[in-house]
Amino acid sequence: MVDVLSQFYSVHYNFGIIALFMLLFAAWLGSRKNIKGAVTVLCICLVYNFVLFKKAERDPEWYSKKEAQVKGFDPVKKLWEDKSADDDPSKRK
């Protein structure tokens, strides 16, 4: 699935997964007979993809910056630092 999304989304496959969740949510709304909600979510998904495409086309370096931010983020380290700051007054922000 990741390989398919990385081919479809030239920016980053995480954006593709967000779009897939939007489409699944629209399908769920449609199955619940909420056609207006499904159409609204589909429109939001189309605008999301269009804006993402234009952003990547206009600023190709944006992808490398975002990818570096995602790869450099360690949620366990962030949680550890936040919890240790609660114990040590000198580490508090």
PDB file of N, CA and C in Angstrom:
ATOM      1  N   MET A   1       0.825  -1.185   0.000  1.00  0.00           N
ATOM      2  CA  MET A   1       0.000   0.000   0.000  1.00  0.00           C
ATOM      3  C   MET A   1       0.874   1.256   0.000  1.00  0.00           C
ATOM      4  N   VAL A   2       1.958   1.218   0.754  1.00  0.00           N
ATOM      5  CA  VAL A   2       2.839   2.376   0.825  1.00  0.00           C
ATOM      6  C   VAL A   2       3.461   2.649  -0.534  1.00  0.00           C
ATOM      7  N   ASP A   3       3.865   1.591  -1.246  1.00  0.00           N
ATOM      8  CA  ASP A   3       4.469   1.784  -2.561  1.00  0.00           C
ATOM      9  C   ASP A   3       3.478   2.382  -3.545  1.00  0.00           C
ATOM     10  N   VAL A   4       2.234   1.954  -3.483  1.00  0.00           N
ATOM     11  CA  VAL A   4       1.218   2.498  -4.384  1.00  0.00           C
ATOM     12  C   VAL A   4       0.982   3.969  -4.076  1.00  0.00           C
ATOM     13  N   LEU A   5       0.873   4.305  -2.801  1.00  0.00           N
ATOM     14  CA  LEU A   5       0.620   5.692  -2.431  1.00  0.00           C
ATOM     15  C   LEU A   5       1.818   6.582  -2.724  1.00  0.00           C
ATOM     16  N   SER A   6       3.033   6.053  -2.566  1.00  0.00           N
ATOM     17  CA  SER A   6       4.198   6.895  -2.856  1.00  0.00           C
ATOM     18  C   SER A   6       4.324   7.162  -4.346  1.00  0.00           C
ATOM     19  N   GLN A   7       3.826   6.258  -5.185  1.00  0.00           N
ATOM     20  CA  GLN A   7       3.810   6.526  -6.622  1.00  0.00           C
ATOM     21  C   GLN A   7       2.739   7.550  -6.966  1.00  0.00           C
ATOM     22  N   PHE A   8       1.600   7.474  -6.299  1.00  0.00           N
ATOM     23  CA  PHE A   8       0.501   8.380  -6.605  1.00  0.00           C
ATOM     24  C   PHE A   8       0.755   9.768  -6.037  1.00  0.00           C
ATOM     25  N   TYR A   9       1.276   9.830  -4.825  1.00  0.00           N
ATOM     26  CA  TYR A   9       1.558  11.102  -4.186  1.00  0.00           C
ATOM     27  C   TYR A   9       3.056  11.350  -4.244  1.00  0.00           C
ATOM     28  N   SER A  10       3.460  12.254  -5.114  1.00  0.00           N
ATOM     29  CA  SER A  10       4.891  12.510  -5.285  1.00  0.00           C
ATOM     30  C   SER A  10       5.474  13.274  -4.100  1.00  0.00           C
ATOM     31  N   VAL A  11       4.642  13.831  -3.249  1.00  0.00           N
ATOM     32  CA  VAL A  11       5.132  14.603  -2.119  1.00  0.00           C
ATOM     33  C   VAL A  11       5.485  13.676  -0.958  1.00  0.00           C
ATOM     34  N   HIS A  12       4.521  12.995  -0.403  1.00  0.00           N
ATOM     35  CA  HIS A  12       4.773  12.051   0.670  1.00  0.00           C
ATOM     36  C   HIS A  12       3.539  11.188   0.835  1.00  0.00           C
ATOM     37  N   TYR A  13       3.729   9.907   1.092  1.00  0.00           N
ATOM     38  CA  TYR A  13       2.593   8.996   1.145  1.00  0.00           C
ATOM     39  C   TYR A  13       1.682   9.238   2.341  1.00  0.00           C
ATOM     40  N   ASN A  14       2.154   9.922   3.382  1.00  0.00           N
ATOM     41  CA  ASN A  14       1.270  10.227   4.506  1.00  0.00           C
ATOM     42  C   ASN A  14       0.115  11.128   4.073  1.00  0.00           C
ATOM     43  N   PHE A  15       0.382  12.017   3.128  1.00  0.00           N
ATOM     44  CA  PHE A  15      -0.703  12.850   2.599  1.00  0.00           C
ATOM     45  C   PHE A  15      -1.718  11.988   1.843  1.00  0.00           C
ATOM     46  N   GLY A  16      -1.240  10.958   1.195  1.00  0.00           N
ATOM     47  CA  GLY A  16      -2.127  10.038   0.491  1.00  0.00           C
ATOM     48  C   GLY A  16      -3.007   9.252   1.447  1.00  0.00           C
ATOM     49  N   ILE A  17      -2.443   8.884   2.575  1.00  0.00           N
ATOM     50  CA  ILE A  17      -3.228   8.140   3.561  1.00  0.00           C
ATOM     51  C   ILE A  17      -4.335   9.029   4.133  1.00  0.00           C
ATOM     52  N   ILE A  18      -4.031  10.294   4.346  1.00  0.00           N
ATOM     53  CA  ILE A  18      -5.061  11.229   4.822  1.00  0.00           C
ATOM     54  C   ILE A  18      -6.192  11.324   3.801  1.00  0.00           C
ATOM     55  N   ALA A  19      -5.832  11.407   2.515  1.00  0.00           N
ATOM     56  CA  ALA A  19      -6.847  11.472   1.465  1.00  0.00           C
ATOM     57  C   ALA A  19      -7.656  10.181   1.419  1.00  0.00           C
ATOM     58  N   LEU A  20      -7.003   9.043   1.619  1.00  0.00           N
ATOM     59  CA  LEU A  20      -7.733   7.776   1.641  1.00  0.00           C
ATOM     60  C   LEU A  20      -8.725   7.721   2.801  1.00  0.00           C
ATOM     61  N   PHE A  21      -8.322   8.212   3.958  1.00  0.00           N
ATOM     62  CA  PHE A  21      -9.236   8.248   5.091  1.00  0.00           C
ATOM     63  C   PHE A  21     -10.437   9.151   4.801  1.00  0.00           C
ATOM     64  N   MET A  22     -10.179  10.258   4.107  1.00  0.00           N
ATOM     65  CA  MET A  22     -11.288  11.133   3.728  1.00  0.00           C
ATOM     66  C   MET A  22     -12.261  10.406   2.808  1.00  0.00           C
ATOM     67  N   LEU A  23     -11.731   9.661   1.847  1.00  0.00           N
ATOM     68  CA  LEU A  23     -12.597   8.925   0.925  1.00  0.00           C
ATOM     69  C   LEU A  23     -13.374   7.825   1.638  1.00  0.00           C
ATOM     70  N   LEU A  24     -12.719   7.139   2.562  1.00  0.00           N
ATOM     71  CA  LEU A  24     -13.423   6.115   3.338  1.00  0.00           C
ATOM     72  C   LEU A  24     -14.506   6.730   4.207  1.00  0.00           C
ATOM     73  N   PHE A  25     -14.234   7.887   4.777  1.00  0.00           N
ATOM     74  CA  PHE A  25     -15.239   8.578   5.588  1.00  0.00           C
ATOM     75  C   PHE A  25     -16.419   9.004   4.721  1.00  0.00           C
ATOM     76  N   ALA A  26     -16.133   9.474   3.506  1.00  0.00           N
ATOM     77  CA  ALA A  26     -17.210   9.847   2.585  1.00  0.00           C
ATOM     78  C   ALA A  26     -18.047   8.625   2.210  1.00  0.00           C
ATOM     79  N   ALA A  27     -17.393   7.486   1.998  1.00  0.00           N
ATOM     80  CA  ALA A  27     -18.130   6.260   1.680  1.00  0.00           C
ATOM     81  C   ALA A  27     -19.000   5.834   2.862  1.00  0.00           C
ATOM     82  N   TRP A  28     -18.470   5.978   4.065  1.00  0.00           N
ATOM     83  CA  TRP A  28     -19.254   5.627   5.247  1.00  0.00           C
ATOM     84  C   TRP A  28     -20.468   6.548   5.388  1.00  0.00           C
ATOM     85  N   LEU A  29     -20.249   7.851   5.162  1.00  0.00           N
ATOM     86  CA  LEU A  29     -21.379   8.780   5.218  1.00  0.00           C
ATOM     87  C   LEU A  29     -22.413   8.448   4.154  1.00  0.00           C
ATOM     88  N   GLY A  30     -21.964   8.076   2.969  1.00  0.00           N
ATOM     89  CA  GLY A  30     -22.893   7.703   1.905  1.00  0.00           C
ATOM     90  C   GLY A  30     -23.683   6.459   2.244  1.00  0.00           C
ATOM     91  N   SER A  31     -23.060   5.516   2.932  1.00  0.00           N
ATOM     92  CA  SER A  31     -23.772   4.299   3.319  1.00  0.00           C
ATOM     93  C   SER A  31     -24.791   4.573   4.425  1.00  0.00           C
ATOM     94  N   ARG A  32     -24.606   5.657   5.141  1.00  0.00           N
ATOM     95  CA  ARG A  32     -25.552   6.044   6.196  1.00  0.00           C
ATOM     96  C   ARG A  32     -26.633   6.978   5.669  1.00  0.00           C
ATOM     97  N   LYS A  33     -26.739   7.094   4.359  1.00  0.00           N
ATOM     98  CA  LYS A  33     -27.731   7.933   3.682  1.00  0.00           C
ATOM     99  C   LYS A  33     -27.533   9.425   3.954  1.00  0.00           C
ATOM    100  N   ASN A  34     -26.315   9.811   4.262  1.00  0.00           N
ATOM    101  CA  ASN A  34     -25.995  11.222   4.464  1.00  0.00           C
ATOM    102  C   ASN A  34     -25.254  11.702   3.215  1.00  0.00           C
ATOM    103  N   ILE A  35     -26.026  11.928   2.169  1.00  0.00           N
ATOM    104  CA  ILE A  35     -25.447  12.273   0.870  1.00  0.00           C
ATOM    105  C   ILE A  35     -24.789  13.649   0.907  1.00  0.00           C
ATOM    106  N   LYS A  36     -25.410  14.604   1.573  1.00  0.00           N
ATOM    107  CA  LYS A  36     -24.811  15.947   1.654  1.00  0.00           C
ATOM    108  C   LYS A  36     -23.456  15.901   2.352  1.00  0.00           C
ATOM    109  N   GLY A  37     -23.354  15.152   3.417  1.00  0.00           N
ATOM    110  CA  GLY A  37     -22.087  15.021   4.130  1.00  0.00           C
ATOM    111  C   GLY A  37     -21.030  14.332   3.279  1.00  0.00           C
ATOM    112  N   ALA A  38     -21.435  13.295   2.544  1.00  0.00           N
ATOM    113  CA  ALA A  38     -20.496  12.577   1.684  1.00  0.00           C
ATOM    114  C   ALA A  38     -19.981  13.476   0.564  1.00  0.00           C
ATOM    115  N   VAL A  39     -20.864  14.253  -0.032  1.00  0.00           N
ATOM    116  CA  VAL A  39     -20.451  15.167  -1.101  1.00  0.00           C
ATOM    117  C   VAL A  39     -19.521  16.246  -0.542  1.00  0.00           C
ATOM    118  N   THR A  40     -19.814  16.733   0.645  1.00  0.00           N
ATOM    119  CA  THR A  40     -18.969  17.745   1.276  1.00  0.00           C
ATOM    120  C   THR A  40     -17.563  17.196   1.526  1.00  0.00           C
ATOM    121  N   VAL A  41     -17.474  15.990   2.059  1.00  0.00           N
ATOM    122  CA  VAL A  41     -16.169  15.387   2.335  1.00  0.00           C
ATOM    123  C   VAL A  41     -15.420  15.120   1.029  1.00  0.00           C
ATOM    124  N   LEU A  42     -16.129  14.690  -0.017  1.00  0.00           N
ATOM    125  CA  LEU A  42     -15.481  14.482  -1.311  1.00  0.00           C
ATOM    126  C   LEU A  42     -14.936  15.790  -1.879  1.00  0.00           C
ATOM    127  N   CYS A  43     -15.691  16.873  -1.729  1.00  0.00           N
ATOM    128  CA  CYS A  43     -15.216  18.184  -2.191  1.00  0.00           C
ATOM    129  C   CYS A  43     -13.980  18.626  -1.407  1.00  0.00           C
ATOM    130  N   ILE A  44     -13.988  18.411  -0.107  1.00  0.00           N
ATOM    131  CA  ILE A  44     -12.827  18.751   0.718  1.00  0.00           C
ATOM    132  C   ILE A  44     -11.617  17.924   0.281  1.00  0.00           C
ATOM    133  N   CYS A  45     -11.825  16.650  -0.022  1.00  0.00           N
ATOM    134  CA  CYS A  45     -10.742  15.781  -0.474  1.00  0.00           C
ATOM    135  C   CYS A  45     -10.178  16.265  -1.817  1.00  0.00           C
ATOM    136  N   LEU A  46     -11.042  16.677  -2.724  1.00  0.00           N
ATOM    137  CA  LEU A  46     -10.575  17.192  -4.014  1.00  0.00           C
ATOM    138  C   LEU A  46      -9.770  18.476  -3.843  1.00  0.00           C
ATOM    139  N   VAL A  47     -10.253  19.383  -3.014  1.00  0.00           N
ATOM    140  CA  VAL A  47      -9.526  20.629  -2.772  1.00  0.00           C
ATOM    141  C   VAL A  47      -8.190  20.337  -2.096  1.00  0.00           C
ATOM    142  N   TYR A  48      -8.184  19.432  -1.156  1.00  0.00           N
ATOM    143  CA  TYR A  48      -6.956  19.024  -0.463  1.00  0.00           C
ATOM    144  C   TYR A  48      -5.919  18.524  -1.465  1.00  0.00           C
ATOM    145  N   ASN A  49      -6.347  17.633  -2.366  1.00  0.00           N
ATOM    146  CA  ASN A  49      -5.415  17.091  -3.353  1.00  0.00           C
ATOM    147  C   ASN A  49      -4.946  18.153  -4.335  1.00  0.00           C
ATOM    148  N   PHE A  50      -5.834  19.036  -4.745  1.00  0.00           N
ATOM    149  CA  PHE A  50      -5.463  20.093  -5.676  1.00  0.00           C
ATOM    150  C   PHE A  50      -4.440  21.046  -5.055  1.00  0.00           C
ATOM    151  N   VAL A  51      -4.680  21.453  -3.821  1.00  0.00           N
ATOM    152  CA  VAL A  51      -3.757  22.361  -3.129  1.00  0.00           C
ATOM    153  C   VAL A  51      -2.407  21.680  -2.918  1.00  0.00           C
ATOM    154  N   LEU A  52      -2.415  20.415  -2.544  1.00  0.00           N
ATOM    155  CA  LEU A  52      -1.173  19.682  -2.350  1.00  0.00           C
ATOM    156  C   LEU A  52      -0.389  19.569  -3.657  1.00  0.00           C
ATOM    157  N   PHE A  53      -1.084  19.300  -4.747  1.00  0.00           N
ATOM    158  CA  PHE A  53      -0.425  19.199  -6.049  1.00  0.00           C
ATOM    159  C   PHE A  53       0.196  20.528  -6.451  1.00  0.00           C
ATOM    160  N   LYS A  54      -0.539  21.609  -6.283  1.00  0.00           N
ATOM    161  CA  LYS A  54      -0.021  22.928  -6.652  1.00  0.00           C
ATOM    162  C   LYS A  54       1.157  23.331  -5.757  1.00  0.00           C
ATOM    163  N   LYS A  55       1.086  22.999  -4.472  1.00  0.00           N
ATOM    164  CA  LYS A  55       2.169  23.325  -3.549  1.00  0.00           C
ATOM    165  C   LYS A  55       3.446  22.581  -3.933  1.00  0.00           C
ATOM    166  N   ALA A  56       3.320  21.311  -4.260  1.00  0.00           N
ATOM    167  CA  ALA A  56       4.493  20.525  -4.642  1.00  0.00           C
ATOM    168  C   ALA A  56       5.045  20.971  -5.990  1.00  0.00           C
ATOM    169  N   GLU A  57       4.174  21.396  -6.885  1.00  0.00           N
ATOM    170  CA  GLU A  57       4.607  21.854  -8.201  1.00  0.00           C
ATOM    171  C   GLU A  57       5.326  23.199  -8.110  1.00  0.00           C
ATOM    172  N   ARG A  58       4.821  24.070  -7.260  1.00  0.00           N
ATOM    173  CA  ARG A  58       5.383  25.415  -7.132  1.00  0.00           C
ATOM    174  C   ARG A  58       6.680  25.436  -6.329  1.00  0.00           C
ATOM    175  N   ASP A  59       6.769  24.607  -5.277  1.00  0.00           N
ATOM    176  CA  ASP A  59       7.929  24.632  -4.380  1.00  0.00           C
ATOM    177  C   ASP A  59       8.443  23.206  -4.162  1.00  0.00           C
ATOM    178  N   PRO A  60       9.285  22.679  -5.074  1.00  0.00           N
ATOM    179  CA  PRO A  60       9.746  21.293  -4.940  1.00  0.00           C
ATOM    180  C   PRO A  60      10.638  21.056  -3.716  1.00  0.00           C
ATOM    181  N   GLU A  61      11.268  22.088  -3.197  1.00  0.00           N
ATOM    182  CA  GLU A  61      12.107  21.918  -2.022  1.00  0.00           C
ATOM    183  C   GLU A  61      11.278  21.724  -0.757  1.00  0.00           C
ATOM    184  N   TRP A  62      10.000  22.059  -0.828  1.00  0.00           N
ATOM    185  CA  TRP A  62       9.102  21.908   0.307  1.00  0.00           C
ATOM    186  C   TRP A  62       9.034  20.448   0.750  1.00  0.00           C
ATOM    187  N   TYR A  63       9.030  19.540  -0.238  1.00  0.00           N
ATOM    188  CA  TYR A  63       8.968  18.110   0.080  1.00  0.00           C
ATOM    189  C   TYR A  63      10.160  17.674   0.918  1.00  0.00           C
ATOM    190  N   SER A  64      11.358  18.063   0.510  1.00  0.00           N
ATOM    191  CA  SER A  64      12.546  17.622   1.251  1.00  0.00           C
ATOM    192  C   SER A  64      12.561  18.189   2.663  1.00  0.00           C
ATOM    193  N   LYS A  65      12.066  19.418   2.829  1.00  0.00           N
ATOM    194  CA  LYS A  65      11.998  19.998   4.177  1.00  0.00           C
ATOM    195  C   LYS A  65      11.005  19.230   5.049  1.00  0.00           C
ATOM    196  N   LYS A  66       9.829  18.932   4.501  1.00  0.00           N
ATOM    197  CA  LYS A  66       8.807  18.211   5.271  1.00  0.00           C
ATOM    198  C   LYS A  66       9.250  16.783   5.576  1.00  0.00           C
ATOM    199  N   GLU A  67       9.911  16.151   4.611  1.00  0.00           N
ATOM    200  CA  GLU A  67      10.377  14.795   4.843  1.00  0.00           C
ATOM    201  C   GLU A  67      11.439  14.761   5.938  1.00  0.00           C
ATOM    202  N   ALA A  68      12.315  15.751   5.968  1.00  0.00           N
ATOM    203  CA  ALA A  68      13.335  15.816   7.016  1.00  0.00           C
ATOM    204  C   ALA A  68      12.688  16.038   8.378  1.00  0.00           C
ATOM    205  N   GLN A  69      11.625  16.844   8.434  1.00  0.00           N
ATOM    206  CA  GLN A  69      10.934  17.067   9.705  1.00  0.00           C
ATOM    207  C   GLN A  69      10.281  15.785  10.195  1.00  0.00           C
ATOM    208  N   VAL A  70       9.663  15.040   9.288  1.00  0.00           N
ATOM    209  CA  VAL A  70       8.978  13.809   9.676  1.00  0.00           C
ATOM    210  C   VAL A  70       9.986  12.757  10.125  1.00  0.00           C
ATOM    211  N   LYS A  71      11.095  12.619   9.400  1.00  0.00           N
ATOM    212  CA  LYS A  71      12.096  11.625   9.773  1.00  0.00           C
ATOM    213  C   LYS A  71      12.830  12.001  11.051  1.00  0.00           C
ATOM    214  N   GLY A  72      12.965  13.292  11.330  1.00  0.00           N
ATOM    215  CA  GLY A  72      13.683  13.726  12.513  1.00  0.00           C
ATOM    216  C   GLY A  72      12.849  13.735  13.771  1.00  0.00           C
ATOM    217  N   PHE A  73      11.534  13.541  13.673  1.00  0.00           N
ATOM    218  CA  PHE A  73      10.658  13.605  14.826  1.00  0.00           C
ATOM    219  C   PHE A  73      10.622  12.257  15.527  1.00  0.00           C
ATOM    220  N   ASP A  74      10.907  12.253  16.814  1.00  0.00           N
ATOM    221  CA  ASP A  74      10.870  11.049  17.624  1.00  0.00           C
ATOM    222  C   ASP A  74       9.855  11.266  18.744  1.00  0.00           C
ATOM    223  N   PRO A  75       8.649  10.675  18.625  1.00  0.00           N
ATOM    224  CA  PRO A  75       7.613  10.932  19.629  1.00  0.00           C
ATOM    225  C   PRO A  75       7.967  10.406  21.015  1.00  0.00           C
ATOM    226  N   VAL A  76       8.711   9.304  21.086  1.00  0.00           N
ATOM    227  CA  VAL A  76       9.084   8.760  22.395  1.00  0.00           C
ATOM    228  C   VAL A  76      10.039   9.723  23.105  1.00  0.00           C
ATOM    229  N   LYS A  77      10.997  10.262  22.379  1.00  0.00           N
ATOM    230  CA  LYS A  77      11.934  11.213  22.966  1.00  0.00           C
ATOM    231  C   LYS A  77      11.206  12.469  23.430  1.00  0.00           C
ATOM    232  N   LYS A  78      10.248  12.936  22.627  1.00  0.00           N
ATOM    233  CA  LYS A  78       9.479  14.130  22.989  1.00  0.00           C
ATOM    234  C   LYS A  78       8.678  13.883  24.268  1.00  0.00           C
ATOM    235  N   LEU A  79       8.008  12.733  24.359  1.00  0.00           N
ATOM    236  CA  LEU A  79       7.249  12.413  25.573  1.00  0.00           C
ATOM    237  C   LEU A  79       8.168  12.281  26.782  1.00  0.00           C
ATOM    238  N   TRP A  80       9.333  11.656  26.586  1.00  0.00           N
ATOM    239  CA  TRP A  80      10.282  11.482  27.682  1.00  0.00           C
ATOM    240  C   TRP A  80      10.768  12.832  28.201  1.00  0.00           C
ATOM    241  N   GLU A  81      11.081  13.752  27.277  1.00  0.00           N
ATOM    242  CA  GLU A  81      11.543  15.077  27.693  1.00  0.00           C
ATOM    243  C   GLU A  81      10.440  15.846  28.405  1.00  0.00           C
ATOM    244  N   ASP A  82       9.210  15.732  27.922  1.00  0.00           N
ATOM    245  CA  ASP A  82       8.096  16.430  28.571  1.00  0.00           C
ATOM    246  C   ASP A  82       7.842  15.899  29.977  1.00  0.00           C
ATOM    247  N   LYS A  83       7.905  14.585  30.148  1.00  0.00           N
ATOM    248  CA  LYS A  83       7.659  13.997  31.471  1.00  0.00           C
ATOM    249  C   LYS A  83       8.815  14.284  32.420  1.00  0.00           C
ATOM    250  N   SER A  84      10.037  14.296  31.906  1.00  0.00           N
ATOM    251  CA  SER A  84      11.165  14.569  32.791  1.00  0.00           C
ATOM    252  C   SER A  84      11.195  16.040  33.198  1.00  0.00           C
ATOM    253  N   ALA A  85      10.624  16.914  32.379  1.00  0.00           N
ATOM    254  CA  ALA A  85      10.560  18.326  32.730  1.00  0.00           C
ATOM    255  C   ALA A  85       9.620  18.550  33.912  1.00  0.00           C
ATOM    256  N   ASP A  86       8.655  17.650  34.077  1.00  0.00           N
ATOM    257  CA  ASP A  86       7.744  17.768  35.218  1.00  0.00           C
ATOM    258  C   ASP A  86       8.459  17.497  36.537  1.00  0.00           C
ATOM    259  N   ASP A  87       9.483  16.655  36.506  1.00  0.00           N
ATOM    260  CA  ASP A  87      10.209  16.281  37.713  1.00  0.00           C
ATOM    261  C   ASP A  87      11.322  17.264  38.061  1.00  0.00           C
ATOM    262  N   ASP A  88      11.949  17.830  37.059  1.00  0.00           N
ATOM    263  CA  ASP A  88      13.108  18.686  37.271  1.00  0.00           C
ATOM    264  C   ASP A  88      12.723  20.151  36.993  1.00  0.00           C
ATOM    265  N   PRO A  89      12.735  21.017  38.002  1.00  0.00           N
ATOM    266  CA  PRO A  89      12.326  22.407  37.791  1.00  0.00           C
ATOM    267  C   PRO A  89      13.221  23.167  36.815  1.00  0.00           C
ATOM    268  N   SER A  90      14.488  22.755  36.676  1.00  0.00           N
ATOM    269  CA  SER A  90      15.376  23.488  35.755  1.00  0.00           C
ATOM    270  C   SER A  90      15.062  23.209  34.295  1.00  0.00           C
ATOM    271  N   LYS A  91      14.344  22.120  34.001  1.00  0.00           N
ATOM    272  CA  LYS A  91      13.992  21.776  32.615  1.00  0.00           C
ATOM    273  C   LYS A  91      12.631  22.325  32.191  1.00  0.00           C
ATOM    274  N   ARG A  92      11.928  22.921  33.095  1.00  0.00           N
ATOM    275  CA  ARG A  92      10.586  23.429  32.761  1.00  0.00           C
ATOM    276  C   ARG A  92      10.688  24.630  31.836  1.00  0.00           C
ATOM    277  N   LYS A  93       9.721  24.728  30.947  1.00  0.00           N
ATOM    278  CA  LYS A  93       9.717  25.827  29.973  1.00  0.00           C
ATOM    279  C   LYS A  93       9.060  27.047  30.529  1.00  0.00           C
TER     280      LYS A  93
END
